[in-house]
C-alpha atoms as a PDB file:
ATOM      1  CA  MET A   1     148.924 -31.651 173.650  1.00  0.00           C
ATOM      2  CA  ARG A   2     151.577 -33.803 171.596  1.00  0.00           C
ATOM      3  CA  ILE A   3     154.624 -34.320 173.995  1.00  0.00           C
ATOM      4  CA  ILE A   4     157.981 -35.935 173.709  1.00  0.00           C
ATOM      5  CA  VAL A   5     159.758 -36.947 176.995  1.00  0.00           C
ATOM      6  CA  THR A   6     163.311 -37.834 176.340  1.00  0.00           C
ATOM      7  CA  GLY A   7     164.398 -40.174 179.245  1.00  0.00           C
ATOM      8  CA  GLY A   8     160.966 -40.952 180.082  1.00  0.00           C
ATOM      9  CA  CYS A   9     161.469 -44.507 181.251  1.00  0.00           C
ATOM     10  CA  GLY A  10     164.121 -43.031 183.964  1.00  0.00           C
ATOM     11  CA  PHE A  11     163.448 -42.008 187.288  1.00  0.00           C
ATOM     12  CA  ILE A  12     162.120 -38.535 187.146  1.00  0.00           C
ATOM     13  CA  GLY A  13     160.948 -38.929 183.483  1.00  0.00           C
ATOM     14  CA  SER A  14     158.483 -42.104 184.235  1.00  0.00           C
ATOM     15  CA  HIS A  15     156.744 -40.067 186.960  1.00  0.00           C
ATOM     16  CA  LEU A  16     156.572 -37.171 184.589  1.00  0.00           C
ATOM     17  CA  VAL A  17     155.065 -39.419 182.024  1.00  0.00           C
ATOM     18  CA  ASP A  18     152.492 -40.779 184.409  1.00  0.00           C
ATOM     19  CA  ARG A  19     151.304 -37.053 185.124  1.00  0.00           C
ATOM     20  CA  LEU A  20     151.082 -36.122 181.591  1.00  0.00           C
ATOM     21  CA  ILE A  21     149.301 -39.261 180.668  1.00  0.00           C
ATOM     22  CA  SER A  22     146.684 -38.839 183.483  1.00  0.00           C
ATOM     23  CA  GLU A  23     146.149 -35.225 182.192  1.00  0.00           C
ATOM     24  CA  ASN A  24     145.435 -36.881 178.795  1.00  0.00           C
ATOM     25  CA  HIS A  25     148.359 -35.500 176.933  1.00  0.00           C
ATOM     26  CA  ASP A  26     149.775 -37.596 173.840  1.00  0.00           C
ATOM     27  CA  VAL A  27     153.218 -38.826 175.164  1.00  0.00           C
ATOM     28  CA  LEU A  28     155.759 -40.335 173.188  1.00  0.00           C
ATOM     29  CA  VAL A  29     158.993 -41.543 175.204  1.00  0.00           C
ATOM     30  CA  ILE A  30     162.419 -41.642 173.849  1.00  0.00           C
ATOM     31  CA  ASP A  31     164.807 -43.942 175.718  1.00  0.00           C
ATOM     32  CA  ALA A  32     167.872 -45.735 174.693  1.00  0.00           C
ATOM     33  CA  LEU A  33     167.127 -48.268 177.815  1.00  0.00           C
ATOM     34  CA  PHE A  34     170.783 -48.320 178.908  1.00  0.00           C
ATOM     35  CA  TYR A  35     169.368 -50.034 181.908  1.00  0.00           C
ATOM     36  CA  PRO A  36     167.017 -52.525 180.368  1.00  0.00           C
ATOM     37  CA  GLU A  37     164.860 -53.034 183.740  1.00  0.00           C
ATOM     38  CA  SER A  38     163.760 -49.221 183.524  1.00  0.00           C
ATOM     39  CA  GLU A  39     161.392 -50.114 180.791  1.00  0.00           C
ATOM     40  CA  GLU A  40     159.307 -51.530 183.644  1.00  0.00           C
ATOM     41  CA  ASN A  41     158.661 -47.851 184.638  1.00  0.00           C
ATOM     42  CA  LEU A  42     157.074 -47.035 181.336  1.00  0.00           C
ATOM     43  CA  ASN A  43     153.257 -46.133 181.519  1.00  0.00           C
ATOM     44  CA  LYS A  44     151.426 -48.466 179.330  1.00  0.00           C
ATOM     45  CA  SER A  45     149.371 -45.764 177.870  1.00  0.00           C
ATOM     46  CA  ALA A  46     152.511 -43.989 176.513  1.00  0.00           C
ATOM     47  CA  GLU A  47     154.218 -44.600 173.211  1.00  0.00           C
ATOM     48  CA  LEU A  48     157.983 -45.833 173.482  1.00  0.00           C
ATOM     49  CA  MET A  49     160.683 -45.149 170.980  1.00  0.00           C
ATOM     50  CA  LYS A  50     163.759 -47.015 171.665  1.00  0.00           C
ATOM     51  CA  ILE A  51     166.408 -44.694 170.263  1.00  0.00           C
ATOM     52  CA  ASP A  52     169.500 -42.797 171.610  1.00  0.00           C
ATOM     53  CA  ILE A  53     169.527 -39.136 171.983  1.00  0.00           C
ATOM     54  CA  ARG A  54     172.607 -39.116 169.679  1.00  0.00           C
ATOM     55  CA  ASP A  55     171.129 -41.213 167.151  1.00  0.00           C
ATOM     56  CA  LYS A  56     171.145 -39.228 163.690  1.00  0.00           C
ATOM     57  CA  ASN A  57     167.340 -40.641 163.095  1.00  0.00           C
ATOM     58  CA  LEU A  58     166.173 -39.099 165.959  1.00  0.00           C
ATOM     59  CA  GLU A  59     165.128 -35.916 163.971  1.00  0.00           C
ATOM     60  CA  LYS A  60     162.649 -38.449 161.766  1.00  0.00           C
ATOM     61  CA  VAL A  61     161.071 -39.491 165.161  1.00  0.00           C
ATOM     62  CA  PHE A  62     160.248 -35.940 165.771  1.00  0.00           C
ATOM     63  CA  MET A  63     158.987 -35.245 162.387  1.00  0.00           C
ATOM     64  CA  ASN A  64     156.618 -38.057 162.543  1.00  0.00           C
ATOM     65  CA  PHE A  65     155.330 -37.477 165.757  1.00  0.00           C
ATOM     66  CA  ARG A  66     155.299 -33.543 165.442  1.00  0.00           C
ATOM     67  CA  PRO A  67     155.391 -32.737 169.286  1.00  0.00           C
ATOM     68  CA  GLU A  68     154.615 -29.469 170.459  1.00  0.00           C
ATOM     69  CA  VAL A  69     156.639 -29.536 173.619  1.00  0.00           C
ATOM     70  CA  VAL A  70     159.582 -31.532 174.542  1.00  0.00           C
ATOM     71  CA  TYR A  71     161.030 -32.617 178.004  1.00  0.00           C
ATOM     72  CA  HIS A  72     164.425 -33.210 177.932  1.00  0.00           C
ATOM     73  CA  LEU A  73     165.458 -35.453 180.812  1.00  0.00           C
ATOM     74  CA  ALA A  74     167.818 -38.017 178.863  1.00  0.00           C
ATOM     75  CA  ALA A  75     171.013 -37.805 180.322  1.00  0.00           C
ATOM     76  CA  GLN A  76     174.070 -39.594 181.743  1.00  0.00           C
ATOM     77  CA  ILE A  77     173.479 -38.859 185.313  1.00  0.00           C
ATOM     78  CA  ASP A  78     176.623 -40.195 187.354  1.00  0.00           C
ATOM     79  CA  VAL A  79     179.200 -37.922 188.563  1.00  0.00           C
ATOM     80  CA  GLN A  80     182.044 -40.549 188.988  1.00  0.00           C
ATOM     81  CA  THR A  81     181.181 -41.917 185.451  1.00  0.00           C
ATOM     82  CA  SER A  82     181.777 -38.405 184.203  1.00  0.00           C
ATOM     83  CA  LEU A  83     185.209 -38.556 185.879  1.00  0.00           C
ATOM     84  CA  ASN A  84     186.172 -41.622 184.460  1.00  0.00           C
ATOM     85  CA  ASN A  85     184.862 -41.193 181.081  1.00  0.00           C
ATOM     86  CA  PRO A  86     184.392 -37.521 180.293  1.00  0.00           C
ATOM     87  CA  TYR A  87     184.027 -38.358 176.665  1.00  0.00           C
ATOM     88  CA  LEU A  88     181.191 -40.355 177.015  1.00  0.00           C
ATOM     89  CA  ASP A  89     179.459 -38.046 179.473  1.00  0.00           C
ATOM     90  CA  ALA A  90     180.008 -35.114 177.053  1.00  0.00           C
ATOM     91  CA  GLU A  91     178.883 -37.203 173.980  1.00  0.00           C
ATOM     92  CA  ILE A  92     175.710 -37.742 175.457  1.00  0.00           C
ATOM     93  CA  ASN A  93     174.892 -34.974 177.513  1.00  0.00           C
ATOM     94  CA  ILE A  94     176.120 -32.141 175.348  1.00  0.00           C
ATOM     95  CA  LEU A  95     176.045 -33.895 171.878  1.00  0.00           C
ATOM     96  CA  GLY A  96     172.902 -35.250 172.544  1.00  0.00           C
ATOM     97  CA  SER A  97     171.276 -32.359 173.583  1.00  0.00           C
ATOM     98  CA  ILE A  98     172.263 -30.494 170.506  1.00  0.00           C
ATOM     99  CA  ASN A  99     170.854 -33.490 168.470  1.00  0.00           C
ATOM    100  CA  VAL A 100     167.498 -32.993 170.526  1.00  0.00           C
ATOM    101  CA  LEU A 101     167.773 -29.245 169.794  1.00  0.00           C
ATOM    102  CA  GLN A 102     168.328 -29.688 166.234  1.00  0.00           C
ATOM    103  CA  ALA A 103     165.177 -32.051 166.116  1.00  0.00           C
ATOM    104  CA  CYS A 104     163.109 -29.559 167.710  1.00  0.00           C
ATOM    105  CA  LYS A 105     164.112 -26.923 165.454  1.00  0.00           C
ATOM    106  CA  ASN A 106     163.451 -28.734 162.487  1.00  0.00           C
ATOM    107  CA  SER A 107     160.021 -30.195 163.469  1.00  0.00           C
ATOM    108  CA  GLY A 108     158.437 -27.059 164.688  1.00  0.00           C
ATOM    109  CA  VAL A 109     158.341 -27.862 168.393  1.00  0.00           C
ATOM    110  CA  THR A 110     157.416 -24.516 170.272  1.00  0.00           C
ATOM    111  CA  LYS A 111     158.937 -25.440 173.509  1.00  0.00           C
ATOM    112  CA  ILE A 112     161.527 -27.388 175.251  1.00  0.00           C
ATOM    113  CA  ILE A 113     161.915 -27.888 178.968  1.00  0.00           C
ATOM    114  CA  TYR A 114     165.372 -29.101 180.076  1.00  0.00           C
ATOM    115  CA  SER A 115     166.181 -30.946 183.141  1.00  0.00           C
ATOM    116  CA  SER A 116     169.458 -29.246 184.512  1.00  0.00           C
ATOM    117  CA  SER A 117     171.314 -29.747 187.544  1.00  0.00           C
ATOM    118  CA  ALA A 118     172.440 -28.086 190.877  1.00  0.00           C
ATOM    119  CA  ALA A 119     175.813 -29.674 189.992  1.00  0.00           C
ATOM    120  CA  ILE A 120     176.383 -26.859 187.588  1.00  0.00           C
ATOM    121  CA  TYR A 121     176.826 -24.369 190.331  1.00  0.00           C
ATOM    122  CA  GLY A 122     179.991 -26.457 191.858  1.00  0.00           C
ATOM    123  CA  GLU A 123     181.306 -25.238 195.423  1.00  0.00           C
ATOM    124  CA  ASN A 124     179.461 -22.299 195.799  1.00  0.00           C
ATOM    125  CA  TYR A 125     179.914 -20.698 199.071  1.00  0.00           C
ATOM    126  CA  ASP A 126     177.249 -17.947 199.109  1.00  0.00           C
ATOM    127  CA  LEU A 127     174.278 -20.036 200.226  1.00  0.00           C
ATOM    128  CA  PRO A 128     171.601 -20.350 199.325  1.00  0.00           C
ATOM    129  CA  ILE A 129     172.375 -20.592 195.718  1.00  0.00           C
ATOM    130  CA  LYS A 130     170.365 -18.312 193.318  1.00  0.00           C
ATOM    131  CA  GLU A 131     169.915 -18.491 189.592  1.00  0.00           C
ATOM    132  CA  VAL A 132     172.359 -15.832 189.235  1.00  0.00           C
ATOM    133  CA  SER A 133     175.085 -17.218 191.419  1.00  0.00           C
ATOM    134  CA  PRO A 134     178.187 -18.118 189.660  1.00  0.00           C
ATOM    135  CA  SER A 135     178.334 -21.421 187.800  1.00  0.00           C
ATOM    136  CA  ILE A 136     181.731 -23.106 188.442  1.00  0.00           C
ATOM    137  CA  PRO A 137     181.192 -26.793 188.020  1.00  0.00           C
ATOM    138  CA  ILE A 138     183.815 -29.036 189.963  1.00  0.00           C
ATOM    139  CA  SER A 139     182.965 -32.412 187.940  1.00  0.00           C
ATOM    140  CA  PHE A 140     182.549 -33.117 184.306  1.00  0.00           C
ATOM    141  CA  TYR A 141     178.978 -33.805 184.909  1.00  0.00           C
ATOM    142  CA  GLY A 142     178.473 -30.532 186.061  1.00  0.00           C
ATOM    143  CA  ILE A 143     180.270 -28.989 182.827  1.00  0.00           C
ATOM    144  CA  SER A 144     178.082 -31.216 180.611  1.00  0.00           C
ATOM    145  CA  LYS A 145     174.844 -30.340 182.140  1.00  0.00           C
ATOM    146  CA  PHE A 146     175.589 -26.534 182.096  1.00  0.00           C
ATOM    147  CA  THR A 147     176.495 -26.334 178.299  1.00  0.00           C
ATOM    148  CA  PRO A 148     173.382 -27.403 177.016  1.00  0.00           C
ATOM    149  CA  GLU A 149     171.850 -24.394 178.609  1.00  0.00           C
ATOM    150  CA  TYR A 150     173.734 -22.193 176.404  1.00  0.00           C
ATOM    151  CA  TYR A 151     172.859 -24.070 173.307  1.00  0.00           C
ATOM    152  CA  ILE A 152     169.364 -24.021 174.403  1.00  0.00           C
ATOM    153  CA  LYS A 153     169.422 -20.117 174.426  1.00  0.00           C
ATOM    154  CA  MET A 154     171.174 -19.752 171.312  1.00  0.00           C
ATOM    155  CA  PHE A 155     168.742 -22.133 169.573  1.00  0.00           C
ATOM    156  CA  SER A 156     165.869 -19.789 171.314  1.00  0.00           C
ATOM    157  CA  ASP A 157     167.254 -16.958 169.692  1.00  0.00           C
ATOM    158  CA  SER A 158     167.741 -18.215 166.403  1.00  0.00           C
ATOM    159  CA  CYS A 159     164.615 -19.898 165.880  1.00  0.00           C
ATOM    160  CA  ASP A 160     160.833 -19.658 167.320  1.00  0.00           C
ATOM    161  CA  LEU A 161     161.829 -22.144 170.261  1.00  0.00           C
ATOM    162  CA  ASP A 162     160.633 -21.197 174.006  1.00  0.00           C
ATOM    163  CA  TYR A 163     162.315 -23.031 176.576  1.00  0.00           C
ATOM    164  CA  SER A 164     162.457 -23.203 180.512  1.00  0.00           C
ATOM    165  CA  ILE A 165     165.454 -24.635 182.581  1.00  0.00           C
ATOM    166  CA  LEU A 166     164.905 -26.378 185.718  1.00  0.00           C
ATOM    167  CA  ARG A 167     168.143 -26.674 187.817  1.00  0.00           C
ATOM    168  CA  TYR A 168     167.067 -29.598 190.262  1.00  0.00           C
ATOM    169  CA  SER A 169     168.577 -29.957 193.528  1.00  0.00           C
ATOM    170  CA  ASN A 170     168.977 -33.817 194.810  1.00  0.00           C
ATOM    171  CA  VAL A 171     165.791 -35.454 193.667  1.00  0.00           C
ATOM    172  CA  TYR A 172     164.727 -38.765 195.469  1.00  0.00           C
ATOM    173  CA  GLY A 173     161.565 -40.965 195.622  1.00  0.00           C
ATOM    174  CA  GLU A 174     160.141 -44.171 194.049  1.00  0.00           C
ATOM    175  CA  ARG A 175     162.009 -45.848 191.191  1.00  0.00           C
ATOM    176  CA  GLN A 176     165.316 -44.164 191.846  1.00  0.00           C
ATOM    177  CA  VAL A 177     168.332 -46.600 191.051  1.00  0.00           C
ATOM    178  CA  THR A 178     171.085 -47.002 193.376  1.00  0.00           C
ATOM    179  CA  HIS A 179     173.525 -45.057 191.321  1.00  0.00           C
ATOM    180  CA  GLY A 180     173.748 -41.682 189.539  1.00  0.00           C
ATOM    181  CA  GLU A 181     173.699 -38.087 190.563  1.00  0.00           C
ATOM    182  CA  GLY A 182     171.777 -37.871 194.066  1.00  0.00           C
ATOM    183  CA  GLY A 183     171.087 -41.444 194.646  1.00  0.00           C
ATOM    184  CA  VAL A 184     172.038 -41.521 198.091  1.00  0.00           C
ATOM    185  CA  VAL A 185     168.346 -41.970 199.518  1.00  0.00           C
ATOM    186  CA  SER A 186     167.783 -45.300 197.177  1.00  0.00           C
ATOM    187  CA  ILE A 187     171.513 -46.561 198.247  1.00  0.00           C
ATOM    188  CA  PHE A 188     170.637 -46.205 201.990  1.00  0.00           C
ATOM    189  CA  ILE A 189     167.175 -47.449 201.579  1.00  0.00           C
ATOM    190  CA  ASP A 190     168.202 -50.350 199.663  1.00  0.00           C
ATOM    191  CA  ASN A 191     171.115 -51.425 202.044  1.00  0.00           C
ATOM    192  CA  PHE A 192     168.615 -51.151 205.213  1.00  0.00           C
ATOM    193  CA  LEU A 193     166.608 -53.438 203.370  1.00  0.00           C
ATOM    194  CA  ARG A 194     169.174 -55.813 202.696  1.00  0.00           C
ATOM    195  CA  GLY A 195     170.660 -55.471 206.137  1.00  0.00           C
ATOM    196  CA  ILE A 196     174.110 -54.081 205.073  1.00  0.00           C
ATOM    197  CA  PRO A 197     175.897 -51.277 206.255  1.00  0.00           C
ATOM    198  CA  SER A 198     176.087 -48.188 204.094  1.00  0.00           C
ATOM    199  CA  LYS A 199     179.269 -46.227 203.119  1.00  0.00           C
ATOM    200  CA  ILE A 200     179.343 -42.257 203.735  1.00  0.00           C
ATOM    201  CA  PHE A 201     182.068 -40.544 201.823  1.00  0.00           C
ATOM    202  CA  GLY A 202     183.699 -37.935 203.817  1.00  0.00           C
ATOM    203  CA  ASP A 203     182.567 -37.132 207.602  1.00  0.00           C
ATOM    204  CA  GLY A 204     178.853 -37.063 206.637  1.00  0.00           C
ATOM    205  CA  SER A 205     178.623 -33.265 207.476  1.00  0.00           C
ATOM    206  CA  GLN A 206     178.311 -32.253 203.895  1.00  0.00           C
ATOM    207  CA  THR A 207     174.789 -31.109 203.169  1.00  0.00           C
ATOM    208  CA  ARG A 208     172.402 -31.240 200.105  1.00  0.00           C
ATOM    209  CA  ASP A 209     169.026 -30.072 199.274  1.00  0.00           C
ATOM    210  CA  PHE A 210     166.735 -33.145 198.948  1.00  0.00           C
ATOM    211  CA  ILE A 211     163.450 -32.806 196.951  1.00  0.00           C
ATOM    212  CA  TYR A 212     160.983 -35.323 196.431  1.00  0.00           C
ATOM    213  CA  VAL A 213     160.153 -36.432 192.772  1.00  0.00           C
ATOM    214  CA  LYS A 214     156.377 -35.809 192.723  1.00  0.00           C
ATOM    215  CA  ASP A 215     157.357 -31.977 193.373  1.00  0.00           C
ATOM    216  CA  VAL A 216     159.742 -32.008 190.737  1.00  0.00           C
ATOM    217  CA  VAL A 217     156.970 -33.264 188.455  1.00  0.00           C
ATOM    218  CA  ASP A 218     154.600 -30.706 189.579  1.00  0.00           C
ATOM    219  CA  ALA A 219     157.302 -27.709 188.766  1.00  0.00           C
ATOM    220  CA  ASN A 220     157.734 -29.466 185.285  1.00  0.00           C
ATOM    221  CA  MET A 221     154.101 -29.259 184.723  1.00  0.00           C
ATOM    222  CA  GLN A 222     153.999 -25.602 185.611  1.00  0.00           C
ATOM    223  CA  VAL A 223     156.511 -24.759 183.051  1.00  0.00           C
ATOM    224  CA  MET A 224     154.640 -26.488 180.146  1.00  0.00           C
ATOM    225  CA  THR A 225     152.894 -23.108 179.351  1.00  0.00           C
ATOM    226  CA  LYS A 226     154.559 -20.532 181.715  1.00  0.00           C
ATOM    227  CA  GLY A 227     157.792 -19.465 182.441  1.00  0.00           C
ATOM    228  CA  ASN A 228     159.164 -19.011 178.857  1.00  0.00           C
ATOM    229  CA  ASN A 229     163.066 -18.403 178.505  1.00  0.00           C
ATOM    230  CA  GLN A 230     163.572 -18.623 182.264  1.00  0.00           C
ATOM    231  CA  ILE A 231     165.745 -20.551 184.598  1.00  0.00           C
ATOM    232  CA  PHE A 232     164.593 -21.939 187.843  1.00  0.00           C
ATOM    233  CA  ASN A 233     165.892 -23.594 190.905  1.00  0.00           C
ATOM    234  CA  ILE A 234     163.666 -26.575 191.807  1.00  0.00           C
ATOM    235  CA  SER A 235     164.604 -27.337 195.441  1.00  0.00           C
ATOM    236  CA  THR A 236     163.338 -27.000 198.976  1.00  0.00           C
ATOM    237  CA  ASN A 237     165.852 -24.188 199.811  1.00  0.00           C
ATOM    238  CA  THR A 238     166.445 -26.440 203.053  1.00  0.00           C
ATOM    239  CA  PRO A 239     169.784 -28.117 203.777  1.00  0.00           C
ATOM    240  CA  ILE A 240     170.360 -31.354 205.481  1.00  0.00           C
ATOM    241  CA  SER A 241     173.702 -33.330 206.225  1.00  0.00           C
ATOM    242  CA  ILE A 242     174.287 -36.793 204.882  1.00  0.00           C
ATOM    243  CA  ASN A 243     174.430 -37.947 208.586  1.00  0.00           C
ATOM    244  CA  ASP A 244     170.988 -36.505 209.517  1.00  0.00           C
ATOM    245  CA  LEU A 245     169.677 -38.349 206.248  1.00  0.00           C
ATOM    246  CA  TYR A 246     171.003 -41.494 207.374  1.00  0.00           C
ATOM    247  CA  TYR A 247     169.743 -41.502 210.750  1.00  0.00           C
ATOM    248  CA  LYS A 248     166.281 -40.347 209.379  1.00  0.00           C
ATOM    249  CA  LEU A 249     166.117 -43.367 207.433  1.00  0.00           C
ATOM    250  CA  ALA A 250     167.498 -45.450 210.009  1.00  0.00           C
ATOM    251  CA  SER A 251     164.607 -44.703 212.087  1.00  0.00           C
ATOM    252  CA  ILE A 252     162.068 -45.301 209.488  1.00  0.00           C
ATOM    253  CA  ALA A 253     163.757 -48.664 208.680  1.00  0.00           C
ATOM    254  CA  ASP A 254     164.074 -49.302 212.728  1.00  0.00           C
ATOM    255  CA  SER A 255     167.582 -50.177 212.029  1.00  0.00           C
ATOM    256  CA  SER A 256     170.546 -49.968 214.145  1.00  0.00           C
ATOM    257  CA  LEU A 257     173.148 -50.159 211.719  1.00  0.00           C
ATOM    258  CA  GLU A 258     175.788 -47.845 211.617  1.00  0.00           C
ATOM    259  CA  PRO A 259     177.154 -46.187 208.432  1.00  0.00           C
ATOM    260  CA  VAL A 260     181.032 -46.774 207.248  1.00  0.00           C
ATOM    261  CA  TYR A 261     182.774 -43.817 206.707  1.00  0.00           C
ATOM    262  CA  CYS A 262     185.187 -43.499 203.782  1.00  0.00           C
ATOM    263  CA  ASP A 263     187.410 -40.687 201.992  1.00  0.00           C
ATOM    264  CA  SER A 264     185.765 -38.076 200.241  1.00  0.00           C
ATOM    265  CA  ARG A 265     185.497 -38.689 196.319  1.00  0.00           C
ATOM    266  CA  MET A 266     186.557 -36.207 193.736  1.00  0.00           C
ATOM    267  CA  GLY A 267     183.889 -33.990 192.084  1.00  0.00           C
ATOM    268  CA  ASP A 268     181.543 -34.264 195.260  1.00  0.00           C
ATOM    269  CA  ILE A 269     180.382 -30.952 196.573  1.00  0.00           C
ATOM    270  CA  THR A 270     180.774 -30.276 200.354  1.00  0.00           C
ATOM    271  CA  HIS A 271     177.564 -27.938 200.908  1.00  0.00           C
ATOM    272  CA  SER A 272     174.600 -27.182 198.631  1.00  0.00           C
ATOM    273  CA  TYR A 273     171.278 -25.972 198.861  1.00  0.00           C
ATOM    274  CA  MET A 274     169.566 -23.524 196.485  1.00  0.00           C
ATOM    275  CA  ASP A 275     167.148 -20.657 196.728  1.00  0.00           C
ATOM    276  CA  ASN A 276     163.579 -21.219 195.382  1.00  0.00           C
ATOM    277  CA  SER A 277     162.103 -17.867 195.641  1.00  0.00           C
ATOM    278  CA  LYS A 278     162.013 -16.874 191.889  1.00  0.00           C
ATOM    279  CA  VAL A 279     159.820 -20.075 190.995  1.00  0.00           C
ATOM    280  CA  LEU A 280     157.532 -19.241 193.946  1.00  0.00           C
ATOM    281  CA  GLU A 281     157.183 -15.808 192.842  1.00  0.00           C
ATOM    282  CA  ASP A 282     156.819 -16.105 189.153  1.00  0.00           C
ATOM    283  CA  LEU A 283     154.903 -19.475 189.020  1.00  0.00           C
ATOM    284  CA  ASN A 284     153.531 -19.856 192.471  1.00  0.00           C
ATOM    285  CA  TRP A 285     155.337 -23.001 192.888  1.00  0.00           C
ATOM    286  CA  LYS A 286     156.533 -24.741 196.103  1.00  0.00           C
ATOM    287  CA  PRO A 287     157.258 -28.212 197.263  1.00  0.00           C
ATOM    288  CA  SER A 288     154.605 -30.026 199.115  1.00  0.00           C
ATOM    289  CA  SER A 289     156.489 -32.937 200.713  1.00  0.00           C
ATOM    290  CA  THR A 290     158.490 -32.422 203.847  1.00  0.00           C
ATOM    291  CA  ILE A 291     161.902 -34.471 203.893  1.00  0.00           C
ATOM    292  CA  ASP A 292     160.023 -37.027 206.457  1.00  0.00           C
ATOM    293  CA  GLU A 293     156.881 -37.283 204.465  1.00  0.00           C
ATOM    294  CA  GLY A 294     159.085 -37.932 201.341  1.00  0.00           C
ATOM    295  CA  LEU A 295     161.375 -40.214 202.884  1.00  0.00           C
ATOM    296  CA  ARG A 296     158.607 -42.382 204.464  1.00  0.00           C
ATOM    297  CA  LEU A 297     156.717 -42.571 201.034  1.00  0.00           C
ATOM    298  CA  THR A 298     160.063 -43.704 199.237  1.00  0.00           C
ATOM    299  CA  TYR A 299     160.914 -46.460 202.083  1.00  0.00           C
ATOM    300  CA  SER A 300     157.449 -47.639 202.101  1.00  0.00           C
ATOM    301  CA  ASN A 301     157.595 -48.235 198.259  1.00  0.00           C
ATOM    302  CA  PHE A 302     160.959 -49.604 197.898  1.00  0.00           C
ATOM    303  CA  GLU A 303     159.688 -52.081 200.639  1.00  0.00           C
ATOM    304  CA  ILE A 304     156.633 -53.220 198.777  1.00  0.00           C
ATOM    305  CA  ALA A 305     158.878 -53.594 195.822  1.00  0.00           C
ATOM    306  CA  LYS A 306     161.251 -55.767 197.609  1.00  0.00           C
ATOM    307  CA  ILE A 307     158.437 -57.891 198.832  1.00  0.00           C
ATOM    308  CA  VAL A 308     156.771 -58.290 195.450  1.00  0.00           C
ATOM    309  CA  SER A 309     160.102 -59.053 193.759  1.00  0.00           C
END
């Protein structure tokens, strides 16, 4: 199958591209390479087009390649950046997504799979969060990830374009950068490897639902041909506090370093974990990695990468 992956040099996108290539799909990666080092993540069997999803020439790329399926992962991913520069955040995540949708419509794409976020739910007190739970974002990032969902539905209604929307909990794993939404695992690991203390914003009792990147990729593969015109939470349905996460990694790193506690940050959610029963029932998907297994794999990979570098 001919497939475009926007953001295919990024953390999740590059793992998805690896899987698609391994299953013999013809893959074109679209990436602006805002972080030039991310090109190192690119699978050598994939074609790369360096272009911003906001670029007016994006449609020409689609027309030339004629993809059947598009995985749309390209985004501005940092909550604090969204608060400091909401215009840029909206321009990339909303207007860029509209540009992708327009290119899909005009090039005959049959399905788009959109990577959304738990951030769209905001501070939801009825836990675990279901797909039908209220969406009340508390950051510009949450707004800019939620808004394209409406555009996707309207494009789907107006043309022959199926979709699946995947709302990720906090994804972690190999190749994750030390910035962006959900990057706390990579930040902690990087600091342990460098022997410096990590900051925890708030008292560390805040909870998240952490999911290993390979499980997220597997969910993406499941919806390539199934789950049309549906929204799915992609999560473990299991909360863990930031304190517990820190000390799990400290144990793996065999480190006695203590964290430094700082004031909470605007836009950060206190408690969040998502119900994944719908995707289990509809697609028979569930995560295969426990938090301990995923953290050990991730730490080992970061450790090897540090030795090599």
